[in-house]
Amino acid sequence: MDNPFLIILLVIGSVIYKIYQGYQEEQAKAKQRMEKLKRQVQADHPYPENPRPQPAQVKNKPIPIEHIKMEVPDYYQQVDEVELVRQRNLEQRRIAAQSKSMKEMQKQHQPIQLQDLDIQQFDLRKAIIQQAILERPYKD
């Protein structure tokens, strides 16, 4: 016992070694517990490991195009008819406005005014809605 520093160093080293051994034992016990829990969960698991059987391959026969009948619902045809009628009415109004303005111009020898030809009126509500749609923030 000639060097007290060496004795203290040996005591500290043995304490650290004991702590390290205890840590290794706890790690081994934890590993065993985890393996035991895995086995228990696998035994209690009600589903097999491959839950979905592979579906049988079904060969689809191509359908000949000649036998396919395309039927257009009536409401599509009605929409087209309504749009055609609306376009005809607008065209008739435009032609009537042009002929009226031409007659007036011949009588008065004055240039055609823009107000006579303008059939559609400015709709403020529609303009505000369109502006809000165009200026809305982009969202993903």
Protein backbone atom coordinates (compact mmCIF):
# COMPACT_ATOMS: atom_id res chain seq x y z
CA MET A 1 0.00 0.00 0.00
CA ASP A 2 2.66 2.30 -0.92
CA ASN A 3 0.72 4.41 -3.46
CA PRO A 4 -2.79 5.63 -2.43
CA PHE A 5 -3.40 6.98 -5.93
CA LEU A 6 -3.12 3.48 -7.42
CA ILE A 7 -5.53 2.03 -4.85
CA ILE A 8 -8.14 4.73 -5.58
CA LEU A 9 -7.73 4.15 -9.30
CA LEU A 10 -8.28 0.36 -8.83
CA VAL A 11 -11.41 0.96 -6.73
CA ILE A 12 -12.85 3.37 -9.32
CA GLY A 13 -12.01 0.95 -12.15
CA SER A 14 -13.71 -1.97 -10.35
CA VAL A 15 -16.84 0.14 -9.72
CA ILE A 16 -16.98 1.15 -13.39
CA TYR A 17 -16.51 -2.52 -14.41
CA LYS A 18 -19.40 -3.61 -12.11
CA ILE A 19 -21.64 -0.90 -13.61
CA TYR A 20 -20.70 -2.03 -17.13
CA GLN A 21 -21.49 -5.68 -16.25
CA GLY A 22 -24.88 -4.67 -14.84
CA TYR A 23 -25.60 -2.72 -18.03
CA GLN A 24 -24.76 -5.73 -20.20
CA GLU A 25 -26.99 -7.99 -18.08
CA GLU A 26 -29.89 -5.53 -18.40
CA GLN A 27 -29.39 -5.40 -22.17
CA ALA A 28 -29.50 -9.22 -22.36
CA LYS A 29 -32.68 -9.32 -20.24
CA ALA A 30 -34.31 -6.63 -22.40
CA LYS A 31 -33.44 -8.58 -25.55
CA GLN A 32 -35.04 -11.73 -24.08
CA ARG A 33 -38.17 -9.77 -23.10
CA MET A 34 -38.50 -8.34 -26.60
CA GLU A 35 -38.14 -11.79 -28.19
CA LYS A 36 -40.77 -13.13 -25.80
CA LEU A 37 -43.15 -10.29 -26.68
CA LYS A 38 -42.61 -10.88 -30.42
CA ARG A 39 -43.46 -14.57 -30.03
CA GLN A 40 -46.53 -13.70 -27.97
CA VAL A 41 -47.76 -11.12 -30.49
CA GLN A 42 -47.22 -13.53 -33.37
CA ALA A 43 -49.16 -16.24 -31.53
CA ASP A 44 -52.02 -13.85 -30.71
CA HIS A 45 -52.14 -12.35 -34.22
CA PRO A 46 -55.45 -13.49 -35.79
CA TYR A 47 -54.38 -12.91 -39.39
CA PRO A 48 -52.01 -15.06 -41.40
CA GLU A 49 -48.79 -13.53 -42.66
CA ASN A 50 -50.07 -13.39 -46.27
CA PRO A 51 -53.54 -11.89 -45.75
CA ARG A 52 -54.39 -11.27 -49.43
CA PRO A 53 -54.53 -14.19 -51.79
CA GLN A 54 -53.50 -13.40 -55.32
CA PRO A 55 -56.54 -12.92 -57.60
CA ALA A 56 -56.94 -15.29 -60.48
CA GLN A 57 -55.90 -13.86 -63.81
CA VAL A 58 -58.98 -13.18 -65.94
CA LYS A 59 -58.55 -12.81 -69.65
CA ASN A 60 -60.70 -9.99 -70.97
CA LYS A 61 -61.97 -10.36 -74.47
CA PRO A 62 -61.80 -7.15 -76.48
CA ILE A 63 -65.23 -5.79 -77.35
CA PRO A 64 -65.63 -5.11 -81.05
CA ILE A 65 -66.23 -1.44 -81.71
CA GLU A 66 -69.06 -2.20 -84.11
CA HIS A 67 -71.25 -3.48 -81.27
CA ILE A 68 -70.82 -0.45 -79.03
CA LYS A 69 -73.70 2.00 -79.30
CA MET A 70 -73.13 5.50 -78.14
CA GLU A 71 -76.28 7.10 -76.85
CA VAL A 72 -76.31 10.80 -76.20
CA PRO A 73 -78.65 11.74 -73.34
CA ASP A 74 -81.50 14.06 -74.23
CA TYR A 75 -80.38 16.83 -71.91
CA TYR A 76 -77.15 17.23 -73.93
CA GLN A 77 -79.18 17.68 -77.08
CA GLN A 78 -81.45 20.16 -75.31
CA VAL A 79 -78.46 22.21 -74.20
CA ASP A 80 -77.17 22.29 -77.75
CA GLU A 81 -80.58 23.31 -79.07
CA VAL A 82 -80.92 26.06 -76.48
CA GLU A 83 -77.47 27.37 -77.33
CA LEU A 84 -78.28 27.31 -81.05
CA VAL A 85 -81.52 29.22 -80.48
CA ARG A 86 -79.69 31.77 -78.33
CA GLN A 87 -77.04 32.26 -81.01
CA ARG A 88 -79.70 32.64 -83.71
CA ASN A 89 -81.52 35.27 -81.64
CA LEU A 90 -78.28 37.19 -81.10
CA GLU A 91 -77.48 37.02 -84.81
CA GLN A 92 -80.97 38.23 -85.71
CA ARG A 93 -80.69 41.12 -83.25
CA ARG A 94 -77.29 42.05 -84.64
CA ILE A 95 -78.58 41.97 -88.22
CA ALA A 96 -81.64 44.00 -87.22
CA ALA A 97 -79.49 46.56 -85.43
CA GLN A 98 -77.18 46.81 -88.43
CA SER A 99 -80.02 47.28 -90.89
CA LYS A 100 -81.67 49.84 -88.62
CA SER A 101 -78.43 51.76 -88.25
CA MET A 102 -77.79 51.62 -92.00
CA LYS A 103 -81.24 53.06 -92.69
CA GLU A 104 -80.73 55.83 -90.15
CA MET A 105 -77.30 56.55 -91.56
CA GLN A 106 -78.65 56.84 -95.07
CA LYS A 107 -81.38 59.18 -93.87
CA GLN A 108 -79.21 61.38 -91.69
CA HIS A 109 -75.81 60.86 -93.30
CA GLN A 110 -74.28 60.57 -89.84
CA PRO A 111 -71.79 57.97 -88.64
CA ILE A 112 -73.04 54.88 -86.82
CA GLN A 113 -73.08 55.29 -83.10
CA LEU A 114 -71.67 52.60 -80.88
CA GLN A 115 -74.72 52.56 -78.62
CA ASP A 116 -76.98 51.38 -81.42
CA LEU A 117 -74.81 48.34 -82.13
CA ASP A 118 -74.19 47.33 -78.52
CA ILE A 119 -76.68 44.55 -77.82
CA GLN A 120 -75.20 43.19 -74.61
CA GLN A 121 -75.20 45.35 -71.54
CA PHE A 122 -72.48 45.45 -68.91
CA ASP A 123 -73.28 43.16 -65.98
CA LEU A 124 -71.47 44.44 -62.89
CA ARG A 125 -72.25 41.36 -60.80
CA LYS A 126 -70.82 39.02 -63.42
CA ALA A 127 -67.72 41.20 -63.80
CA ILE A 128 -67.06 41.20 -60.04
CA ILE A 129 -67.42 37.41 -59.86
CA GLN A 130 -65.03 36.94 -62.77
CA GLN A 131 -62.52 39.32 -61.23
CA ALA A 132 -62.67 37.45 -57.90
CA ILE A 133 -62.10 34.17 -59.71
CA LEU A 134 -59.10 35.51 -61.60
CA GLU A 135 -57.51 37.16 -58.56
CA ARG A 136 -58.02 34.37 -56.03
CA PRO A 137 -54.86 33.00 -54.41
CA TYR A 138 -53.34 29.84 -55.78
CA LYS A 139 -53.85 26.78 -53.54
CA ASP A 140 -52.35 23.32 -53.88
